[in-house]
Amino acid sequence: MQTSPSRQEDLRVAVVGAGRMGADHVERLAHRVQRSRVSAVVDVDAGRAAQAASAAPGAETFSGLAPLLETGAADAVLLATPGFLHEEALLQLIEAGMPVLCEKPLTPDAASALRVVQAEAAFGRQLIQVGFMRRFDAGYRRLKEVIDSGQLGELLMLHHQHRNPNTPPGFTEEMVINDSVVHEFDAVRFFTGEEIRSVQVRVGRRTSLGDPAVRDPQHVVIETSSGLLAEVEMFCSAQLGYQVATQATFERGVVAIGGEDGLRITEAGHTGYEVPVGFVTRFRAAYDVEIQDWVDAVHAGAIAGPSAWDGYATAACCEAGVASQRHGGAVDVALAERPAFYA
């Protein structure tokens, strides 16, 4: 079983998966996160592992998780492989007692996510934090404080806008839910502290500028266990850049986050705000806070954000969303009983 490093030592972090997100995290851990260092980079592609590791002097490279664990080269793991590889890796890491920050999704489906939850509960200590980075965004945290304070009365509704500039090759309609709206599922649970009871996806007028195989945009209606309604405008080919915003309606006011909070530019007879080009730019600061908080928590033998249960619950919401995409109407979210371990 792994033990937490002393508070004087840097946390040795292995980044598993050296693709876009993994390489970004290597750079972040090596240059912006305190009390940690990248001790290893793991990827089946040796060249990609070496390229990512070059940003972290002294980092070893491995072709798989097993040899990493055998050598004891890490105190914790940041898992950034594709989601379909997560279950096997997470079960290995739980068995080894290794703290892990797992980029979303926890796993691609609710059944495998529940197996991970059950394995962690059986181990008896929370090791897994799921990478829903929006919870670490300054605007999200401020809105959460307003909701919890009750200063504007009861929260009545949530309105979300999630717009991407375009879709990558191979993007499917199910990915509208599984890769994008998954963030709003977690946001609704974060803001309300409630589970989601049902999901309904509606499709109306479609853009002519997107992938003809993907109905876009989509309107998602979410109902929580207490009856609060949240809606999501999910527009995957909005062309204008990357926009994420939320408006919360209260009994005595409205709070909006994610609006025109970037650089304001005046030139050539007009004034406007920059629109981020992608999620890494929009949430760069949130990623930095997320990873720093996780490193600090691992030093203390804990986690600092969304748990494996949160990963499982969002996977169940995604399954309901995809079912509504296919068949229409509101679909109930099927959740197992929450283990007391996650209370």
Protein backbone atom coordinates (compact mmCIF):
# COMPACT_ATOMS: atom_id res chain seq x y z
CA MET A 1 0.00 0.00 0.00
CA GLN A 2 1.25 3.47 -0.88
CA THR A 3 1.87 5.96 1.91
CA SER A 4 1.61 9.73 1.63
CA PRO A 5 4.91 11.58 1.19
CA SER A 6 6.07 13.82 3.98
CA ARG A 7 5.05 17.46 3.71
CA GLN A 8 8.67 18.40 3.02
CA GLU A 9 8.98 16.15 -0.03
CA ASP A 10 7.69 16.77 -3.53
CA LEU A 11 4.89 14.45 -4.60
CA ARG A 12 6.17 12.20 -7.37
CA VAL A 13 3.43 12.18 -10.00
CA ALA A 14 3.26 9.80 -12.97
CA VAL A 15 1.22 11.10 -15.90
CA VAL A 16 -0.36 8.12 -17.64
CA GLY A 17 -1.35 9.00 -21.21
CA ALA A 18 0.78 11.49 -23.14
CA GLY A 19 -1.81 12.84 -25.55
CA ARG A 20 -3.09 16.41 -25.60
CA MET A 21 -4.36 16.51 -22.01
CA GLY A 22 -1.56 14.39 -20.60
CA ALA A 23 1.15 16.54 -22.17
CA ASP A 24 -0.61 19.68 -20.90
CA HIS A 25 -0.63 18.25 -17.38
CA VAL A 26 3.06 17.32 -17.59
CA GLU A 27 3.88 20.94 -18.38
CA ARG A 28 1.56 22.17 -15.62
CA LEU A 29 3.02 19.88 -12.95
CA ALA A 30 6.58 20.62 -14.01
CA HIS A 31 6.29 24.41 -14.08
CA ARG A 32 3.25 25.74 -12.20
CA VAL A 33 2.23 23.30 -9.45
CA GLN A 34 4.05 23.47 -6.14
CA ARG A 35 5.28 20.55 -3.99
CA SER A 36 5.18 18.07 -6.88
CA ARG A 37 7.30 16.85 -9.73
CA VAL A 38 6.69 14.64 -12.75
CA SER A 39 8.58 11.45 -11.99
CA ALA A 40 7.29 9.43 -14.94
CA VAL A 41 5.30 9.58 -18.17
CA VAL A 42 3.50 6.45 -19.34
CA ASP A 43 2.31 5.83 -22.89
CA VAL A 44 2.25 2.89 -25.31
CA ASP A 45 3.81 5.23 -27.88
CA ALA A 46 7.43 5.56 -26.73
CA GLY A 47 8.04 8.61 -28.90
CA ARG A 48 5.00 10.43 -27.55
CA ALA A 49 5.99 9.58 -23.97
CA ALA A 50 9.51 10.90 -24.56
CA GLN A 51 8.22 14.11 -26.13
CA ALA A 52 5.91 14.81 -23.19
CA ALA A 53 8.60 13.89 -20.66
CA SER A 54 11.01 16.39 -22.22
CA ALA A 55 9.03 19.15 -20.47
CA ALA A 56 9.88 17.59 -17.09
CA PRO A 57 13.63 17.01 -16.65
CA GLY A 58 14.38 13.78 -14.85
CA ALA A 59 11.09 12.09 -15.68
CA GLU A 60 11.32 8.42 -16.61
CA THR A 61 9.20 6.89 -19.37
CA PHE A 62 7.25 3.63 -19.27
CA SER A 63 5.20 1.75 -21.84
CA GLY A 64 2.53 0.63 -19.38
CA LEU A 65 1.10 1.00 -15.90
CA ALA A 66 2.35 -2.37 -14.59
CA PRO A 67 6.08 -1.58 -15.00
CA LEU A 68 5.53 1.82 -13.41
CA LEU A 69 3.95 0.25 -10.33
CA GLU A 70 6.63 -2.43 -10.14
CA THR A 71 9.43 0.15 -9.97
CA GLY A 72 7.71 2.34 -7.34
CA ALA A 73 8.59 5.42 -9.36
CA ALA A 74 5.51 7.42 -8.33
CA ASP A 75 3.52 8.44 -5.26
CA ALA A 76 0.40 9.33 -7.27
CA VAL A 77 -0.96 9.07 -10.81
CA LEU A 78 -2.69 11.51 -13.12
CA LEU A 79 -4.67 9.32 -15.53
CA ALA A 80 -5.19 10.97 -18.94
CA THR A 81 -5.69 7.98 -21.24
CA PRO A 82 -8.86 7.53 -23.34
CA GLY A 83 -11.88 6.69 -21.18
CA PHE A 84 -12.27 3.11 -22.40
CA LEU A 85 -8.91 2.29 -20.77
CA HIS A 86 -9.79 3.76 -17.38
CA GLU A 87 -11.52 0.85 -15.63
CA GLU A 88 -8.60 -1.57 -15.88
CA ALA A 89 -6.11 1.12 -14.85
CA LEU A 90 -8.22 2.33 -11.92
CA LEU A 91 -8.70 -1.18 -10.55
CA GLN A 92 -4.92 -1.69 -10.68
CA LEU A 93 -4.33 1.62 -8.93
CA ILE A 94 -6.88 0.88 -6.22
CA GLU A 95 -5.26 -2.48 -5.56
CA ALA A 96 -1.90 -0.72 -5.27
CA GLY A 97 -3.33 1.93 -2.93
CA MET A 98 -2.24 4.66 -5.34
CA PRO A 99 -3.94 8.09 -5.27
CA VAL A 100 -5.14 9.09 -8.74
CA LEU A 101 -6.66 12.06 -10.47
CA CYS A 102 -8.66 10.53 -13.32
CA GLU A 103 -9.59 12.80 -16.21
CA LYS A 104 -13.27 12.48 -17.07
CA PRO A 105 -14.95 10.18 -17.73
CA LEU A 106 -14.36 7.91 -14.75
CA THR A 107 -15.26 5.14 -17.23
CA PRO A 108 -17.40 5.26 -20.40
CA ASP A 109 -20.52 3.65 -18.89
CA ALA A 110 -22.37 3.40 -15.61
CA ALA A 111 -21.83 -0.34 -15.08
CA SER A 112 -18.03 -0.14 -15.25
CA ALA A 113 -18.03 3.08 -13.20
CA LEU A 114 -20.05 1.33 -10.49
CA ARG A 115 -17.48 -1.49 -10.40
CA VAL A 116 -14.78 1.11 -9.73
CA VAL A 117 -16.90 2.69 -6.98
CA GLN A 118 -17.43 -0.69 -5.37
CA ALA A 119 -13.73 -1.55 -5.58
CA GLU A 120 -12.74 1.73 -3.94
CA ALA A 121 -15.35 1.33 -1.20
CA ALA A 122 -14.05 -2.20 -0.53
CA PHE A 123 -10.50 -0.82 -0.29
CA GLY A 124 -11.74 1.51 2.45
CA ARG A 125 -10.15 4.84 1.48
CA GLN A 126 -10.93 7.39 -1.20
CA LEU A 127 -8.10 7.35 -3.73
CA ILE A 128 -9.84 8.62 -6.87
CA GLN A 129 -10.57 12.22 -7.79
CA VAL A 130 -12.34 12.79 -11.11
CA GLY A 131 -11.21 15.65 -13.34
CA PHE A 132 -14.29 17.85 -13.58
CA MET A 133 -12.18 21.00 -13.66
CA ARG A 134 -15.08 23.46 -13.82
CA ARG A 135 -15.63 23.02 -10.08
CA PHE A 136 -12.29 24.82 -9.65
CA ASP A 137 -13.17 27.77 -11.89
CA ALA A 138 -13.42 31.06 -9.96
CA GLY A 139 -16.87 31.88 -11.38
CA TYR A 140 -18.26 28.43 -10.59
CA ARG A 141 -16.97 28.63 -7.03
CA ARG A 142 -18.42 32.11 -6.51
CA LEU A 143 -21.84 31.02 -7.80
CA LYS A 144 -21.72 27.98 -5.52
CA GLU A 145 -21.05 30.30 -2.58
CA VAL A 146 -24.06 32.48 -3.50
CA ILE A 147 -26.31 29.41 -3.76
CA ASP A 148 -25.16 27.97 -0.44
CA SER A 149 -25.39 31.31 1.37
CA GLY A 150 -29.09 31.77 0.60
CA GLN A 151 -28.52 35.51 0.20
CA LEU A 152 -30.78 35.66 -2.86
CA GLY A 153 -33.28 33.13 -1.59
CA GLU A 154 -33.91 29.71 -3.06
CA LEU A 155 -32.25 28.68 -6.33
CA LEU A 156 -35.10 28.17 -8.82
CA MET A 157 -33.54 27.38 -12.22
CA LEU A 158 -30.19 27.01 -14.00
CA HIS A 159 -29.54 28.00 -17.61
CA HIS A 160 -26.35 26.75 -19.27
CA GLN A 161 -24.78 27.62 -22.60
CA HIS A 162 -22.03 25.34 -23.92
CA ARG A 163 -20.71 26.20 -27.38
CA ASN A 164 -17.77 24.65 -29.20
CA PRO A 165 -16.31 26.10 -32.42
CA ASN A 166 -16.56 22.82 -34.36
CA THR A 167 -16.37 19.05 -33.99
CA PRO A 168 -13.23 16.94 -34.52
CA PRO A 169 -13.08 14.08 -37.03
CA GLY A 170 -14.94 11.00 -35.83
CA PHE A 171 -17.28 12.96 -33.57
CA THR A 172 -20.61 11.16 -33.05
CA GLU A 173 -23.99 12.27 -31.80
CA GLU A 174 -23.54 10.30 -28.57
CA MET A 175 -20.41 12.39 -27.90
CA VAL A 176 -22.61 15.50 -27.69
CA ILE A 177 -23.77 14.04 -24.39
CA ASN A 178 -20.82 11.92 -23.27
CA ASP A 179 -18.03 14.42 -24.06
CA SER A 180 -19.77 17.78 -23.67
CA VAL A 181 -23.03 17.82 -21.70
CA VAL A 182 -21.33 15.57 -19.13
CA HIS A 183 -19.80 18.78 -17.74
CA GLU A 184 -23.22 20.33 -17.22
CA PHE A 185 -24.45 17.17 -15.49
CA ASP A 186 -21.61 17.55 -13.02
CA ALA A 187 -22.17 21.31 -12.73
CA VAL A 188 -25.86 20.86 -11.85
CA ARG A 189 -24.95 18.28 -9.20
CA PHE A 190 -22.19 20.59 -7.88
CA PHE A 191 -24.39 23.67 -7.66
CA THR A 192 -27.44 21.96 -6.17
CA GLY A 193 -25.90 19.18 -4.08
CA GLU A 194 -28.60 16.89 -5.49
CA GLU A 195 -28.73 13.89 -7.78
CA ILE A 196 -30.29 14.26 -11.22
CA ARG A 197 -33.64 12.51 -11.59
CA SER A 198 -34.28 12.73 -15.33
CA VAL A 199 -32.84 14.01 -18.61
CA GLN A 200 -34.62 15.03 -21.81
CA VAL A 201 -32.87 15.91 -25.07
CA ARG A 202 -34.71 17.86 -27.76
CA VAL A 203 -33.50 18.72 -31.27
CA GLY A 204 -35.03 21.46 -33.39
CA ARG A 205 -33.64 23.63 -36.17
CA ARG A 206 -30.16 22.48 -37.20
CA THR A 207 -27.08 24.39 -38.26
CA SER A 208 -25.96 23.99 -41.88
CA LEU A 209 -22.34 24.48 -40.84
CA GLY A 210 -21.81 21.33 -38.77
CA ASP A 211 -21.33 17.62 -39.40
CA PRO A 212 -24.46 16.37 -41.19
CA ALA A 213 -24.27 13.17 -39.13
CA VAL A 214 -24.71 15.11 -35.87
CA ARG A 215 -27.92 16.93 -34.99
CA ASP A 216 -26.73 20.27 -33.71
CA PRO A 217 -27.56 22.24 -31.58
CA GLN A 218 -29.37 20.22 -28.91
CA HIS A 219 -31.47 21.38 -25.96
CA VAL A 220 -31.15 19.35 -22.77
CA VAL A 221 -33.58 19.62 -19.86
CA ILE A 222 -32.39 18.28 -16.50
CA GLU A 223 -34.54 17.71 -13.42
CA THR A 224 -32.98 17.18 -10.00
CA SER A 225 -34.33 15.08 -7.15
CA SER A 226 -36.08 18.10 -5.60
CA GLY A 227 -37.66 19.22 -8.88
CA LEU A 228 -35.24 22.01 -9.83
CA LEU A 229 -35.02 22.41 -13.61
CA ALA A 230 -31.81 23.14 -15.50
CA GLU A 231 -31.45 23.58 -19.23
CA VAL A 232 -28.44 23.33 -21.52
CA GLU A 233 -27.96 24.80 -24.98
CA MET A 234 -25.35 22.45 -26.43
CA PHE A 235 -24.01 23.81 -29.72
CA CYS A 236 -21.04 21.81 -31.00
CA SER A 237 -20.39 23.73 -34.24
CA ALA A 238 -21.01 27.31 -33.15
CA GLN A 239 -18.05 28.58 -35.25
CA LEU A 240 -17.47 31.58 -32.95
CA GLY A 241 -15.06 29.93 -30.53
CA TYR A 242 -15.52 28.24 -27.15
CA GLN A 243 -18.17 29.67 -24.82
CA VAL A 244 -19.35 28.31 -21.49
CA ALA A 245 -21.75 30.37 -19.40
CA THR A 246 -24.33 29.82 -16.67
CA GLN A 247 -27.21 31.92 -15.43
CA ALA A 248 -28.81 31.06 -12.09
CA THR A 249 -32.31 32.33 -11.27
CA PHE A 250 -33.10 32.89 -7.59
CA GLU A 251 -36.14 34.11 -5.71
CA ARG A 252 -34.59 37.56 -5.32
CA GLY A 253 -32.12 37.89 -8.16
CA VAL A 254 -30.12 36.43 -11.02
CA VAL A 255 -26.41 35.58 -11.12
CA ALA A 256 -24.50 35.04 -14.37
CA ILE A 257 -20.99 33.64 -14.81
CA GLY A 258 -18.77 32.97 -17.82
CA GLY A 259 -19.80 36.04 -19.81
CA GLU A 260 -17.63 38.88 -21.07
CA ASP A 261 -14.82 38.43 -18.58
CA GLY A 262 -11.92 38.21 -20.99
CA LEU A 263 -9.76 40.82 -22.70
CA ARG A 264 -11.74 43.78 -24.08
CA ILE A 265 -10.37 45.15 -27.36
CA THR A 266 -11.29 48.42 -29.06
CA GLU A 267 -10.02 48.92 -32.61
CA ALA A 268 -11.12 49.99 -36.09
CA GLY A 269 -14.39 51.48 -34.93
CA HIS A 270 -15.65 48.65 -32.76
CA THR A 271 -15.29 47.21 -29.25
CA GLY A 272 -15.48 43.53 -28.34
CA TYR A 273 -14.25 40.74 -26.13
CA GLU A 274 -12.04 37.84 -27.08
CA VAL A 275 -13.70 34.43 -27.26
CA PRO A 276 -11.44 31.55 -26.10
CA VAL A 277 -10.41 29.16 -28.85
CA GLY A 278 -10.89 26.04 -26.75
CA PHE A 279 -11.50 24.54 -23.33
CA VAL A 280 -7.81 24.46 -22.37
CA THR A 281 -7.64 28.24 -22.81
CA ARG A 282 -11.00 28.96 -21.15
CA PHE A 283 -10.30 26.81 -18.09
CA ARG A 284 -6.50 27.07 -17.86
CA ALA A 285 -6.62 28.70 -14.42
CA ALA A 286 -9.18 26.15 -13.22
CA TYR A 287 -6.90 23.30 -14.27
CA ASP A 288 -4.02 24.89 -12.37
CA VAL A 289 -6.12 25.22 -9.20
CA GLU A 290 -7.52 21.71 -9.61
CA ILE A 291 -4.11 20.05 -9.86
CA GLN A 292 -2.59 22.14 -7.07
CA ASP A 293 -5.50 21.35 -4.75
CA TRP A 294 -5.20 17.65 -5.63
CA VAL A 295 -1.46 17.60 -4.92
CA ASP A 296 -2.01 19.33 -1.58
CA ALA A 297 -4.78 16.87 -0.70
CA VAL A 298 -2.67 13.83 -1.57
CA HIS A 299 0.04 15.15 0.74
CA ALA A 300 -2.66 15.14 3.44
CA GLY A 301 -3.95 11.67 2.51
CA ALA A 302 -7.24 12.86 0.97
CA ILE A 303 -8.87 14.04 -2.27
CA ALA A 304 -9.89 17.62 -3.07
CA GLY A 305 -12.75 17.38 -5.53
CA PRO A 306 -15.22 15.13 -7.36
CA SER A 307 -15.16 11.54 -6.14
CA ALA A 308 -15.56 8.22 -7.91
CA TRP A 309 -19.25 8.40 -6.95
CA ASP A 310 -19.51 11.72 -8.83
CA GLY A 311 -17.94 10.03 -11.83
CA TYR A 312 -20.44 7.17 -11.62
CA ALA A 313 -23.45 9.49 -11.21
CA THR A 314 -22.51 11.53 -14.28
CA ALA A 315 -22.03 8.33 -16.30
CA ALA A 316 -25.59 7.33 -15.36
CA CYS A 317 -26.83 10.79 -16.45
CA CYS A 318 -25.03 10.39 -19.78
CA GLU A 319 -26.73 7.05 -20.39
CA ALA A 320 -30.12 8.67 -19.78
CA GLY A 321 -29.20 11.53 -22.12
CA VAL A 322 -28.14 9.22 -24.95
CA ALA A 323 -31.35 7.19 -24.50
CA SER A 324 -33.38 10.40 -24.79
CA GLN A 325 -31.43 11.37 -27.90
CA ARG A 326 -32.42 8.10 -29.53
CA HIS A 327 -35.99 7.69 -28.38
CA GLY A 328 -37.20 11.11 -27.26
CA GLY A 329 -38.95 12.12 -24.06
CA ALA A 330 -37.61 12.40 -20.54
CA VAL A 331 -35.56 9.42 -19.36
CA ASP A 332 -35.11 8.59 -15.68
CA VAL A 333 -31.54 8.33 -14.41
CA ALA A 334 -30.89 4.84 -13.00
CA LEU A 335 -28.65 5.12 -9.94
CA ALA A 336 -27.52 2.41 -7.56
CA GLU A 337 -27.77 3.12 -3.86
CA ARG A 338 -25.03 5.45 -2.79
CA PRO A 339 -22.59 3.71 -0.43
CA ALA A 340 -22.30 5.32 2.99
CA PHE A 341 -18.55 5.41 2.24
CA TYR A 342 -19.23 8.44 0.00
CA ALA A 343 -21.45 10.34 2.44
